[in-house]
Amino acid sequence: MPISFKEINRISEVIQILLKYGFEDLVENTHLKRLIPRREKAERLENDRSIPQFTVWERIRMVMEELGPTFIKLAQSLSNRPDLLKQPLIAEFEKLQSDVVPIHFDMIKSCIESELGKTLNQLFADFDEQPLGSASIGQVHRARLHSGDEVVIKVQRPGSSEKVHTDLNLIKEFVKYTENYFKKRGIFNPREIVEAFEESIKRELDYTSEALNLKRFRKIYQNEVGFYIPKTYREYSTEKILCIEFIQGCKITDTRQLQEWGLNPHKIVEKGINIYLKQMFELGYFHADPHPGNILIRPNGTLVLIDFGMVGKLMKHQRFAFAGIFIGLANQDAKAMALNLRRLSLDNEIDNAQAFENDLYELIENFLIYGEDDSGMPEFVAQLQKIIYNYRLQIPGNIFLILRALAILEGIGKTLHPQFATLDFIRPYGLKLLAEQFSFKNQRSEVGHSLSQLVSLLYIFPIELKMILRKIREGQLNTYVKVQGAEEWLYKVESITNRLILTFLIAALLIASAVGSSSTQTIPWISLMEFILALILGICLIFYTFFYSQKRKKRKS
């Protein structure tokens, strides 16, 4: 699809911001330089000298901030992927806030009435014009239905969907121009990163996805005592409007309010961590954004989760491997941790397995054996993520959501209970999963799955073989072999061959010239011409050899 004039202008704007923050090498060493006139680029580089000096990580964060909401969300999404980015950059991206100035109430009213087909007075008995919160995509208001139910209305900001899609196209074009630059700096799959982000933000733009998550969790926990999921009002919800039950309560970290209500903060945090660990290790389906504002406590002690826009999922084999990591940690078994990390990884080839195990044992020492009293899950997660990054393990993104959630939960836990340690609560769930993994029921299931695959192979093999034999018989079977480094080898062979031909030709001309000049029957000027031609070819050979060596150096660099 050809790039539009509007997108070219936006890419030019991106280039200006990159130059403003000192990233001229990114512009100069990619195809981006073709999109900006030399005179303008020189002017911007001159302006760049007056910008205060910051670290490269701070400047990247500033670029994302200035580029706007979609880029900020991309950065926030990447802050959960320590397998892709270095820790200093993640730390900068975690500083980014997506809170924005609220839009005028008239626009909110118009959007609600357009989406639901009725006037605001027909829909609600009361509607608070002051927003509870405002972000780049949605704005939240409190309201009351004619039935008397107190609700919260999340409204998508007008035009946000179109802006996000425009910026997504821009990001994809930007990556297309700069892909090789990022690959040389250790980010090997920039296109896949953008595709994953595109899928995530498109889900965020569709509120029916969050409504479905709420419905799913509400069904799972419908009989859970002391835990509650708000109900959704589907008749007041669309892709751009979400209406859910209003919850009267306080943040889980509001210890003063908890004590005024006569609640024990220690029991509250223990119940909360057990609910989360059950989601992660037993259900494989978990609320992935457990910051204090999303965990509320009612006056009767009931724990309530809100905001289900970010939900993670784990397959059964991923749950087994993830539990195995923490069992290995608890048992101080670096080999078991290494094995389960490799089981989690999409590509588990490691050049130096012994060094990998040594680094994990050092992690165990720092966390368990020689750890300081204040060391905990955040420190463990940071060090584990560093190891994953250093060894280029392709760990599924949901695993990092869990690690991030565990670090946040321990921070909440220590606020309510200074001696709180997440690992003490994880261990029983890990042992339970370990027992389930080697149970007769699970082994029977694994054997059954393997047998079904074998039967499928036996069924399809004769058909595939027959097709291959038919293609061979009809001469339609083609094979493609790619030899790594063949282009470089052929280039060398071609260059050597050309120089040999020139050398033989020069030698032949010199011999002919020498023989002709000593013979009385040869015309003298012919010998002279042969000598001059040999001299010219010799000079060409020298220049050819020089330029070839320079080109080789350039190709290597």
Protein backbone atom coordinates (compact mmCIF):
# COMPACT_ATOMS: atom_id res chain seq x y z
CA MET A 1 0.00 0.00 0.00
CA PRO A 2 1.56 3.36 -1.04
CA ILE A 3 2.25 5.82 1.74
CA SER A 4 -0.12 8.82 1.80
CA PHE A 5 0.87 12.47 1.76
CA LYS A 6 -0.52 12.83 5.29
CA GLU A 7 1.67 9.96 6.52
CA ILE A 8 4.74 11.46 4.79
CA ASN A 9 4.11 14.71 6.67
CA ARG A 10 3.75 12.81 9.96
CA ILE A 11 6.96 10.85 9.30
CA SER A 12 8.70 14.17 8.59
CA GLU A 13 7.42 15.36 11.96
CA VAL A 14 8.85 12.21 13.59
CA ILE A 15 12.20 12.89 11.90
CA GLN A 16 12.21 16.46 13.21
CA ILE A 17 11.63 15.21 16.76
CA LEU A 18 14.37 12.55 16.40
CA LEU A 19 16.82 15.21 15.23
CA LYS A 20 15.70 17.55 17.99
CA TYR A 21 16.70 14.98 20.62
CA GLY A 22 20.02 14.09 19.02
CA PHE A 23 19.17 10.92 17.05
CA GLU A 24 20.71 12.09 13.77
CA ASP A 25 22.51 8.73 13.43
CA LEU A 26 19.11 7.00 13.23
CA VAL A 27 18.09 9.37 10.44
CA GLU A 28 21.45 9.34 8.61
CA ASN A 29 21.93 5.54 8.68
CA THR A 30 18.45 4.56 7.49
CA HIS A 31 16.15 5.32 4.58
CA LEU A 32 14.58 8.12 6.64
CA LYS A 33 17.16 10.56 5.29
CA ARG A 34 15.45 10.35 1.87
CA LEU A 35 12.31 11.94 3.34
CA ILE A 36 13.89 15.17 4.52
CA PRO A 37 15.60 17.93 2.48
CA ARG A 38 19.31 18.40 3.21
CA ARG A 39 18.91 22.12 4.00
CA GLU A 40 16.14 21.51 6.56
CA LYS A 41 18.13 18.67 8.13
CA ALA A 42 21.18 20.91 8.54
CA GLU A 43 19.05 23.61 10.19
CA ARG A 44 17.56 21.11 12.64
CA LEU A 45 20.93 19.64 13.49
CA GLU A 46 22.13 23.19 14.23
CA ASN A 47 19.12 23.72 16.53
CA ASP A 48 19.86 20.38 18.22
CA ARG A 49 23.09 21.74 19.69
CA SER A 50 21.13 24.00 22.05
CA ILE A 51 19.21 21.08 23.63
CA PRO A 52 20.26 20.17 27.20
CA GLN A 53 22.24 16.95 27.57
CA PHE A 54 20.38 13.87 28.82
CA THR A 55 21.12 10.15 28.74
CA VAL A 56 20.14 8.31 25.57
CA TRP A 57 17.39 6.49 27.54
CA GLU A 58 15.90 9.80 28.75
CA ARG A 59 15.98 11.20 25.21
CA ILE A 60 14.15 8.14 23.84
CA ARG A 61 11.45 8.62 26.49
CA MET A 62 11.19 12.33 25.57
CA VAL A 63 10.75 11.41 21.90
CA MET A 64 7.87 9.04 22.75
CA GLU A 65 6.25 11.70 24.97
CA GLU A 66 6.39 14.34 22.26
CA LEU A 67 5.05 11.99 19.57
CA GLY A 68 1.77 11.60 21.44
CA PRO A 69 -0.65 9.06 23.01
CA THR A 70 -0.18 6.10 20.64
CA PHE A 71 3.60 6.22 21.00
CA ILE A 72 3.28 6.58 24.77
CA LYS A 73 1.10 3.46 24.85
CA LEU A 74 3.67 1.63 22.69
CA ALA A 75 6.39 2.60 25.18
CA GLN A 76 4.23 1.51 28.13
CA SER A 77 3.61 -1.80 26.38
CA LEU A 78 7.36 -2.29 25.79
CA SER A 79 8.06 -1.53 29.46
CA ASN A 80 6.58 -4.99 30.14
CA ARG A 81 9.06 -6.67 27.76
CA PRO A 82 12.49 -6.84 29.43
CA ASP A 83 13.47 -9.59 26.99
CA LEU A 84 13.49 -6.93 24.24
CA LEU A 85 14.73 -3.76 25.94
CA LYS A 86 17.52 -2.91 28.36
CA GLN A 87 16.57 -2.13 31.96
CA PRO A 88 17.52 1.61 31.86
CA LEU A 89 15.13 2.15 28.93
CA ILE A 90 12.37 0.17 30.66
CA ALA A 91 12.84 2.34 33.76
CA GLU A 92 12.36 5.47 31.61
CA PHE A 93 9.30 4.06 29.84
CA GLU A 94 7.73 3.24 33.22
CA LYS A 95 7.76 6.97 33.97
CA LEU A 96 5.40 7.70 31.09
CA GLN A 97 1.88 8.67 32.13
CA SER A 98 -1.08 8.53 29.77
CA ASP A 99 -3.31 10.92 31.80
CA VAL A 100 -4.51 13.77 29.58
CA VAL A 101 -6.67 16.87 29.88
CA PRO A 102 -10.37 15.87 30.05
CA ILE A 103 -12.47 16.62 27.01
CA HIS A 104 -15.55 18.86 27.25
CA PHE A 105 -18.70 17.22 28.63
CA ASP A 106 -20.71 18.13 25.49
CA MET A 107 -18.51 15.76 23.44
CA ILE A 108 -19.03 12.96 26.01
CA LYS A 109 -22.80 13.54 25.97
CA SER A 110 -22.90 13.54 22.15
CA CYS A 111 -20.91 10.29 22.00
CA ILE A 112 -23.17 8.49 24.51
CA GLU A 113 -26.37 9.62 22.81
CA SER A 114 -25.04 8.69 19.37
CA GLU A 115 -23.91 5.22 20.51
CA LEU A 116 -27.01 4.31 22.57
CA GLY A 117 -29.63 6.07 20.45
CA LYS A 118 -31.33 7.92 23.34
CA THR A 119 -30.90 11.22 25.14
CA LEU A 120 -28.83 11.37 28.30
CA ASN A 121 -31.95 12.11 30.38
CA GLN A 122 -33.70 9.05 28.94
CA LEU A 123 -30.71 6.85 29.79
CA PHE A 124 -29.71 8.13 33.23
CA ALA A 125 -31.45 9.62 36.25
CA ASP A 126 -28.25 11.45 37.12
CA PHE A 127 -24.91 11.94 35.33
CA ASP A 128 -21.84 13.59 36.87
CA GLU A 129 -20.25 15.96 34.36
CA GLN A 130 -16.93 15.91 36.23
CA PRO A 131 -14.86 12.87 35.13
CA LEU A 132 -13.45 10.38 37.62
CA GLY A 133 -10.46 9.96 35.33
CA SER A 134 -9.25 10.78 31.83
CA ALA A 135 -6.77 8.92 29.61
CA SER A 136 -5.68 9.03 25.99
CA ILE A 137 -8.42 6.66 24.79
CA GLY A 138 -11.20 6.80 27.39
CA GLN A 139 -12.81 9.08 29.95
CA VAL A 140 -14.72 7.82 33.01
CA HIS A 141 -17.84 9.35 34.59
CA ARG A 142 -20.12 8.36 37.44
CA ALA A 143 -23.88 8.08 36.83
CA ARG A 144 -27.14 6.66 38.23
CA LEU A 145 -29.65 4.64 36.23
CA HIS A 146 -33.40 5.16 36.47
CA SER A 147 -33.51 1.83 38.33
CA GLY A 148 -31.43 3.46 41.07
CA ASP A 149 -28.24 1.48 40.31
CA GLU A 150 -25.00 3.45 40.70
CA VAL A 151 -22.77 2.91 37.67
CA VAL A 152 -19.49 3.99 36.07
CA ILE A 153 -19.48 4.94 32.38
CA LYS A 154 -16.30 4.63 30.36
CA VAL A 155 -16.55 6.64 27.13
CA GLN A 156 -14.10 6.47 24.24
CA ARG A 157 -12.77 9.88 23.28
CA PRO A 158 -14.19 10.99 19.89
CA GLY A 159 -11.68 10.50 17.07
CA SER A 160 -9.30 8.40 19.19
CA SER A 161 -9.86 5.25 17.08
CA GLU A 162 -9.04 7.06 13.83
CA LYS A 163 -5.96 8.71 15.38
CA VAL A 164 -4.67 5.39 16.73
CA HIS A 165 -5.07 3.67 13.34
CA THR A 166 -3.28 6.56 11.59
CA ASP A 167 -0.40 6.36 14.08
CA LEU A 168 -0.25 2.57 13.77
CA ASN A 169 0.24 2.91 10.00
CA LEU A 170 2.93 5.51 10.70
CA ILE A 171 4.72 3.23 13.19
CA LYS A 172 4.69 0.36 10.66
CA GLU A 173 6.11 2.65 7.97
CA PHE A 174 8.73 3.94 10.40
CA VAL A 175 9.82 0.37 11.25
CA LYS A 176 10.00 -0.47 7.57
CA TYR A 177 12.52 2.36 7.07
CA THR A 178 14.55 1.62 10.21
CA GLU A 179 14.31 -2.19 10.66
CA ASN A 180 17.97 -2.91 9.87
CA TYR A 181 19.13 -0.14 12.22
CA PHE A 182 17.27 -1.72 15.16
CA LYS A 183 18.40 -5.24 14.28
CA LYS A 184 22.05 -4.15 14.44
CA ARG A 185 21.36 -2.84 17.95
CA GLY A 186 19.89 -6.06 19.32
CA ILE A 187 16.16 -5.62 18.60
CA PHE A 188 15.78 -8.49 16.14
CA ASN A 189 12.03 -8.48 15.50
CA PRO A 190 10.73 -4.87 15.41
CA ARG A 191 7.90 -5.76 13.02
CA GLU A 192 6.62 -8.53 15.32
CA ILE A 193 6.74 -6.08 18.26
CA VAL A 194 4.59 -3.58 16.36
CA GLU A 195 2.16 -6.31 15.26
CA ALA A 196 1.73 -7.48 18.88
CA PHE A 197 1.16 -3.88 20.00
CA GLU A 198 -1.35 -3.34 17.19
CA GLU A 199 -3.35 -6.38 18.32
CA SER A 200 -3.27 -5.18 21.95
CA ILE A 201 -4.35 -1.59 21.31
CA LYS A 202 -7.11 -2.67 18.92
CA ARG A 203 -8.55 -4.77 21.74
CA GLU A 204 -8.35 -1.71 24.00
CA LEU A 205 -10.30 0.30 21.44
CA ASP A 206 -13.13 -2.25 21.56
CA TYR A 207 -14.86 -2.09 24.97
CA THR A 208 -16.80 -5.28 24.20
CA SER A 209 -13.53 -7.13 24.88
CA GLU A 210 -13.31 -5.73 28.43
CA ALA A 211 -17.02 -6.46 28.96
CA LEU A 212 -16.40 -10.08 27.95
CA ASN A 213 -13.48 -10.32 30.41
CA LEU A 214 -15.70 -9.00 33.22
CA LYS A 215 -18.43 -11.49 32.37
CA ARG A 216 -15.92 -14.37 32.27
CA PHE A 217 -14.35 -13.56 35.64
CA ARG A 218 -17.74 -12.87 37.20
CA LYS A 219 -18.90 -16.35 36.19
CA ILE A 220 -15.73 -18.01 37.54
CA TYR A 221 -16.03 -16.27 40.94
CA GLN A 222 -19.81 -16.13 41.29
CA ASN A 223 -19.69 -18.35 44.40
CA GLU A 224 -16.47 -16.98 45.91
CA VAL A 225 -17.00 -15.61 49.42
CA GLY A 226 -15.24 -12.32 50.18
CA PHE A 227 -14.37 -11.61 46.52
CA TYR A 228 -16.48 -9.71 43.98
CA ILE A 229 -16.39 -8.77 40.29
CA PRO A 230 -18.60 -5.80 39.21
CA LYS A 231 -21.45 -6.60 36.87
CA THR A 232 -21.69 -5.17 33.37
CA TYR A 233 -24.78 -3.47 31.96
CA ARG A 234 -24.74 -4.75 28.39
CA GLU A 235 -27.78 -2.69 27.31
CA TYR A 236 -25.77 0.46 28.11
CA SER A 237 -22.53 -0.78 26.53
CA THR A 238 -21.15 -0.77 22.98
CA GLU A 239 -17.70 -0.84 21.35
CA LYS A 240 -17.19 2.76 22.51
CA ILE A 241 -19.22 2.79 25.75
CA LEU A 242 -18.79 0.55 28.79
CA CYS A 243 -21.22 0.67 31.71
CA ILE A 244 -20.32 -1.25 34.87
CA GLU A 245 -21.45 -1.32 38.47
CA PHE A 246 -20.04 1.40 40.75
CA ILE A 247 -18.15 -0.01 43.74
CA GLN A 248 -18.14 1.85 47.04
CA GLY A 249 -14.83 1.12 48.75
CA CYS A 250 -11.25 2.19 49.36
CA LYS A 251 -7.90 1.28 47.79
CA ILE A 252 -6.30 -1.83 49.22
CA THR A 253 -3.34 0.28 50.43
CA ASP A 254 -5.52 2.67 52.48
CA THR A 255 -4.56 1.11 55.84
CA ARG A 256 -6.14 3.92 57.91
CA GLN A 257 -9.57 3.32 56.32
CA LEU A 258 -9.22 -0.45 56.68
CA GLN A 259 -8.50 -0.07 60.40
CA GLU A 260 -11.45 2.34 60.84
CA TRP A 261 -13.68 -0.34 59.34
CA GLY A 262 -12.22 -2.85 61.79
CA LEU A 263 -10.49 -4.90 59.08
CA ASN A 264 -7.18 -6.73 59.51
CA PRO A 265 -4.74 -5.55 56.78
CA HIS A 266 -2.69 -8.78 57.14
CA LYS A 267 -5.71 -10.96 56.31
CA ILE A 268 -6.74 -8.64 53.48
CA VAL A 269 -3.36 -8.92 51.74
CA GLU A 270 -3.19 -12.69 52.26
CA LYS A 271 -6.61 -13.13 50.67
CA GLY A 272 -5.62 -10.85 47.79
CA ILE A 273 -2.39 -12.70 46.98
CA ASN A 274 -4.16 -16.08 47.15
CA ILE A 275 -6.83 -14.89 44.70
CA TYR A 276 -4.16 -13.71 42.25
CA LEU A 277 -2.04 -16.85 42.57
CA LYS A 278 -5.09 -19.03 42.00
CA GLN A 279 -5.77 -17.10 38.78
CA MET A 280 -2.17 -17.53 37.60
CA PHE A 281 -1.39 -21.10 38.64
CA GLU A 282 -4.79 -22.81 38.58
CA LEU A 283 -7.06 -20.95 36.16
CA GLY A 284 -4.37 -19.76 33.74
CA TYR A 285 -6.44 -16.63 33.22
CA PHE A 286 -5.51 -13.57 35.27
CA HIS A 287 -6.12 -9.86 35.86
CA ALA A 288 -2.84 -8.37 34.59
CA ASP A 289 -2.92 -4.84 36.02
CA PRO A 290 -3.06 -5.16 39.84
CA HIS A 291 -2.03 -1.65 40.86
CA PRO A 292 -3.67 -0.36 44.09
CA GLY A 293 -6.28 1.70 42.21
CA ASN A 294 -7.67 -1.48 40.61
CA ILE A 295 -8.02 -3.43 43.89
CA LEU A 296 -10.78 -2.08 46.13
CA ILE A 297 -11.94 -3.14 49.59
CA ARG A 298 -15.57 -2.80 50.68
CA PRO A 299 -16.46 -1.89 54.29
CA ASN A 300 -17.37 -5.55 54.96
CA GLY A 301 -13.89 -6.69 53.85
CA THR A 302 -14.91 -7.94 50.39
CA LEU A 303 -12.10 -7.60 47.86
CA VAL A 304 -13.11 -6.20 44.45
CA LEU A 305 -11.15 -6.14 41.18
CA ILE A 306 -11.91 -3.47 38.57
CA ASP A 307 -10.53 -2.51 35.12
CA PHE A 308 -10.24 -5.70 33.07
CA GLY A 309 -8.76 -4.07 29.98
CA MET A 310 -5.51 -6.01 30.48
CA VAL A 311 -5.94 -9.76 31.00
CA GLY A 312 -3.28 -12.49 30.60
CA LYS A 313 -3.60 -16.15 29.69
CA LEU A 314 -1.34 -19.14 30.30
CA MET A 315 -1.45 -22.55 28.63
CA LYS A 316 -1.19 -25.60 30.92
CA HIS A 317 2.42 -26.41 29.90
CA GLN A 318 3.38 -22.77 30.55
CA ARG A 319 1.86 -22.96 34.05
CA PHE A 320 3.86 -26.13 34.78
CA ALA A 321 7.11 -24.52 33.59
CA PHE A 322 6.44 -21.24 35.41
CA ALA A 323 5.72 -23.08 38.65
CA GLY A 324 8.91 -25.11 38.10
CA ILE A 325 10.98 -21.90 38.10
CA PHE A 326 9.76 -20.98 41.59
CA ILE A 327 10.07 -24.55 42.89
CA GLY A 328 13.69 -24.52 41.64
CA LEU A 329 14.20 -21.16 43.36
CA ALA A 330 12.75 -22.43 46.66
CA ASN A 331 14.92 -25.59 46.46
CA GLN A 332 18.01 -23.54 45.46
CA ASP A 333 18.22 -25.66 42.30
CA ALA A 334 19.66 -23.56 39.44
CA LYS A 335 19.54 -26.51 37.02
CA ALA A 336 15.78 -26.91 37.53
CA MET A 337 15.27 -23.17 37.03
CA ALA A 338 17.33 -23.28 33.81
CA LEU A 339 15.37 -26.26 32.50
CA ASN A 340 11.99 -24.63 33.12
CA LEU A 341 13.07 -21.28 31.68
CA ARG A 342 14.13 -23.08 28.51
CA ARG A 343 10.79 -24.92 28.47
CA LEU A 344 9.03 -21.54 28.55
CA SER A 345 11.17 -20.06 25.78
CA LEU A 346 10.00 -20.20 22.16
CA ASP A 347 13.64 -20.64 21.10
CA ASN A 348 15.57 -22.42 23.84
CA GLU A 349 19.03 -22.67 22.24
CA ILE A 350 21.70 -21.28 24.61
CA ASP A 351 25.36 -21.16 23.58
CA ASN A 352 26.76 -21.50 27.10
CA ALA A 353 24.38 -23.56 29.26
CA GLN A 354 26.85 -23.70 32.16
CA ALA A 355 27.16 -19.91 32.32
CA PHE A 356 23.36 -19.70 32.19
CA GLU A 357 23.04 -22.00 35.21
CA ASN A 358 25.79 -20.09 37.05
CA ASP A 359 23.92 -16.81 36.57
CA LEU A 360 20.73 -18.39 37.89
CA TYR A 361 22.59 -19.74 40.93
CA GLU A 362 23.91 -16.22 41.56
CA LEU A 363 20.29 -15.05 41.40
CA ILE A 364 19.35 -17.69 44.01
CA GLU A 365 22.24 -16.56 46.22
CA ASN A 366 21.22 -12.91 45.99
CA PHE A 367 17.56 -13.64 46.63
CA LEU A 368 17.63 -16.46 49.18
CA ILE A 369 21.05 -17.26 50.60
CA TYR A 370 22.84 -13.93 51.01
CA GLY A 371 19.90 -11.61 50.27
CA GLU A 372 19.37 -8.48 52.33
CA ASP A 373 16.34 -8.24 54.59
CA ASP A 374 14.64 -5.78 52.21
CA SER A 375 15.28 -7.87 49.07
CA GLY A 376 12.10 -9.20 47.56
CA MET A 377 10.12 -9.97 44.44
CA PRO A 378 10.90 -6.68 42.59
CA GLU A 379 14.67 -7.32 42.93
CA PHE A 380 14.23 -10.98 41.93
CA VAL A 381 12.12 -10.05 38.89
CA ALA A 382 14.62 -7.36 37.78
CA GLN A 383 17.57 -9.77 37.97
CA LEU A 384 15.68 -12.63 36.28
CA GLN A 385 14.61 -10.31 33.47
CA LYS A 386 18.22 -9.21 33.01
CA ILE A 387 19.29 -12.87 32.61
CA ILE A 388 16.48 -13.47 30.09
CA TYR A 389 17.63 -10.43 28.10
CA ASN A 390 21.33 -11.37 28.21
CA TYR A 391 20.67 -14.90 26.92
CA ARG A 392 18.11 -13.78 24.32
CA LEU A 393 15.39 -16.14 25.55
CA GLN A 394 12.14 -15.59 23.63
CA ILE A 395 9.77 -15.77 26.59
CA PRO A 396 6.01 -15.23 25.91
CA GLY A 397 4.81 -11.75 26.84
CA ASN A 398 2.26 -13.10 29.35
CA ILE A 399 5.10 -14.37 31.55
CA PHE A 400 6.39 -10.81 31.94
CA LEU A 401 2.88 -9.64 32.79
CA ILE A 402 2.87 -12.20 35.63
CA LEU A 403 6.34 -11.19 36.86
CA ARG A 404 5.32 -7.54 36.82
CA ALA A 405 2.07 -8.38 38.66
CA LEU A 406 3.96 -10.36 41.33
CA ALA A 407 6.36 -7.44 41.90
CA ILE A 408 3.41 -5.00 42.25
CA LEU A 409 1.56 -7.39 44.57
CA GLU A 410 4.57 -7.73 46.85
CA GLY A 411 4.82 -3.94 47.02
CA ILE A 412 1.15 -3.79 48.06
CA GLY A 413 1.71 -6.67 50.50
CA LYS A 414 4.62 -4.95 52.26
CA THR A 415 2.53 -1.77 52.64
CA LEU A 416 -0.05 -3.75 54.63
CA HIS A 417 2.24 -6.37 56.13
CA PRO A 418 5.99 -5.50 56.50
CA GLN A 419 7.04 -9.18 56.77
CA PHE A 420 5.08 -10.17 53.66
CA ALA A 421 6.98 -12.44 51.21
CA THR A 422 5.32 -13.52 47.96
CA LEU A 423 7.50 -16.63 47.61
CA ASP A 424 5.99 -18.11 50.79
CA PHE A 425 2.58 -18.03 49.12
CA ILE A 426 3.80 -19.18 45.69
CA ARG A 427 5.48 -22.37 46.99
CA PRO A 428 2.23 -24.29 47.83
CA TYR A 429 0.72 -23.47 44.42
CA GLY A 430 3.94 -24.56 42.71
CA LEU A 431 4.03 -27.87 44.58
CA LYS A 432 0.38 -28.46 43.74
CA LEU A 433 1.05 -27.85 40.04
CA LEU A 434 4.14 -30.07 40.17
CA ALA A 435 2.02 -32.90 41.62
CA GLU A 436 -0.62 -32.29 38.94
CA GLN A 437 2.01 -32.38 36.19
CA PHE A 438 3.11 -35.90 37.16
CA SER A 439 -0.33 -37.16 38.15
CA PHE A 440 -1.81 -40.22 36.44
CA LYS A 441 -4.60 -38.11 34.95
CA ASN A 442 -2.22 -35.60 33.34
CA GLN A 443 0.21 -38.29 32.14
CA ARG A 444 -2.70 -40.21 30.63
CA SER A 445 -3.76 -37.02 28.85
CA GLU A 446 -0.20 -36.44 27.56
CA VAL A 447 0.07 -40.05 26.34
CA GLY A 448 -3.35 -39.78 24.71
CA HIS A 449 -2.29 -36.56 22.95
CA SER A 450 0.95 -38.17 21.72
CA LEU A 451 -0.95 -41.24 20.45
CA SER A 452 -3.46 -39.07 18.61
CA GLN A 453 -0.58 -37.20 16.93
CA LEU A 454 1.02 -40.54 15.96
CA VAL A 455 -2.28 -41.83 14.50
CA SER A 456 -2.68 -38.56 12.61
CA LEU A 457 0.87 -38.94 11.22
CA LEU A 458 0.24 -42.55 10.16
CA TYR A 459 -2.96 -41.47 8.45
CA ILE A 460 -1.52 -38.51 6.57
CA PHE A 461 1.94 -39.98 5.73
CA PRO A 462 0.78 -42.24 2.81
CA ILE A 463 -1.18 -39.33 1.32
CA GLU A 464 1.82 -36.97 1.55
CA LEU A 465 4.18 -39.65 0.17
CA LYS A 466 1.83 -40.34 -2.74
CA MET A 467 1.72 -36.60 -3.57
CA ILE A 468 5.55 -36.35 -3.48
CA LEU A 469 5.96 -39.41 -5.76
CA ARG A 470 3.40 -37.97 -8.20
CA LYS A 471 5.30 -34.65 -8.36
CA ILE A 472 8.58 -36.51 -8.97
CA ARG A 473 6.96 -38.56 -11.74
CA GLU A 474 5.56 -35.42 -13.40
CA GLY A 475 8.80 -33.47 -12.94
CA GLN A 476 7.12 -30.86 -10.73
CA LEU A 477 9.18 -31.37 -7.56
CA ASN A 478 11.41 -28.37 -6.93
CA THR A 479 13.99 -28.04 -4.20
CA TYR A 480 15.45 -24.84 -2.81
CA VAL A 481 18.78 -24.89 -0.98
CA LYS A 482 20.13 -21.80 0.73
CA VAL A 483 23.82 -21.91 1.60
CA GLN A 484 24.73 -19.50 4.39
CA GLY A 485 27.43 -17.10 3.23
CA ALA A 486 27.25 -18.29 -0.42
CA GLU A 487 26.86 -14.75 -1.78
CA GLU A 488 30.10 -13.61 -0.14
CA TRP A 489 31.93 -16.71 -1.40
CA LEU A 490 30.65 -16.24 -4.99
CA TYR A 491 31.63 -12.57 -4.82
CA LYS A 492 35.21 -13.54 -3.87
CA VAL A 493 35.41 -16.20 -6.62
CA GLU A 494 34.16 -13.75 -9.23
CA SER A 495 36.68 -11.10 -8.14
CA ILE A 496 39.61 -13.57 -8.18
CA THR A 497 38.57 -14.88 -11.61
CA ASN A 498 38.39 -11.36 -13.06
CA ARG A 499 41.85 -10.50 -11.71
CA LEU A 500 43.34 -13.75 -13.07
CA ILE A 501 41.92 -13.05 -16.54
CA LEU A 502 43.39 -9.55 -16.47
CA THR A 503 46.75 -10.90 -15.28
CA PHE A 504 46.90 -13.54 -18.07
CA LEU A 505 45.88 -10.95 -20.66
CA ILE A 506 48.59 -8.51 -19.49
CA ALA A 507 51.19 -11.29 -19.52
CA ALA A 508 50.15 -12.35 -23.06
CA LEU A 509 50.39 -8.75 -24.33
CA LEU A 510 53.81 -8.21 -22.73
CA ILE A 511 55.15 -11.48 -24.22
CA ALA A 512 53.72 -10.57 -27.66
CA SER A 513 55.26 -7.10 -27.42
CA ALA A 514 58.67 -8.48 -26.42
CA VAL A 515 58.65 -11.09 -29.20
CA GLY A 516 57.46 -8.54 -31.76
CA SER A 517 60.10 -5.97 -30.88
CA SER A 518 62.92 -8.54 -31.31
CA SER A 519 61.61 -9.76 -34.68
CA THR A 520 62.65 -8.01 -37.91
CA GLN A 521 59.46 -9.07 -39.68
CA THR A 522 57.02 -7.33 -37.24
CA ILE A 523 55.89 -3.73 -37.63
CA PRO A 524 57.39 -1.80 -34.61
CA TRP A 525 54.28 0.28 -33.77
CA ILE A 526 52.20 -2.90 -33.23
CA SER A 527 54.59 -4.01 -30.46
CA LEU A 528 54.39 -0.53 -28.94
CA MET A 529 50.57 -0.64 -28.97
CA GLU A 530 50.65 -4.08 -27.28
CA PHE A 531 52.93 -2.71 -24.57
CA ILE A 532 50.76 0.40 -23.97
CA LEU A 533 47.61 -1.75 -23.77
CA ALA A 534 49.34 -4.07 -21.26
CA LEU A 535 50.34 -0.99 -19.21
CA ILE A 536 46.74 0.36 -19.19
CA LEU A 537 45.37 -3.04 -18.15
CA GLY A 538 48.00 -3.23 -15.40
CA ILE A 539 46.88 0.12 -14.00
CA CYS A 540 43.25 -1.07 -14.16
CA LEU A 541 44.22 -4.23 -12.26
CA ILE A 542 45.87 -2.16 -9.50
CA PHE A 543 42.79 0.08 -9.16
CA TYR A 544 40.44 -2.94 -9.25
CA THR A 545 42.40 -4.66 -6.45
CA PHE A 546 42.42 -1.47 -4.34
CA PHE A 547 38.65 -0.84 -4.70
CA TYR A 548 37.88 -4.52 -4.00
CA SER A 549 39.82 -4.42 -0.71
CA GLN A 550 38.01 -1.21 0.31
CA LYS A 551 34.64 -2.74 -0.52
CA ARG A 552 35.45 -5.84 1.55
CA LYS A 553 36.32 -3.68 4.57
CA LYS A 554 33.05 -1.79 4.15
CA ARG A 555 31.01 -5.01 3.88
CA LYS A 556 32.63 -6.39 7.06
CA SER A 557 31.94 -3.21 9.01
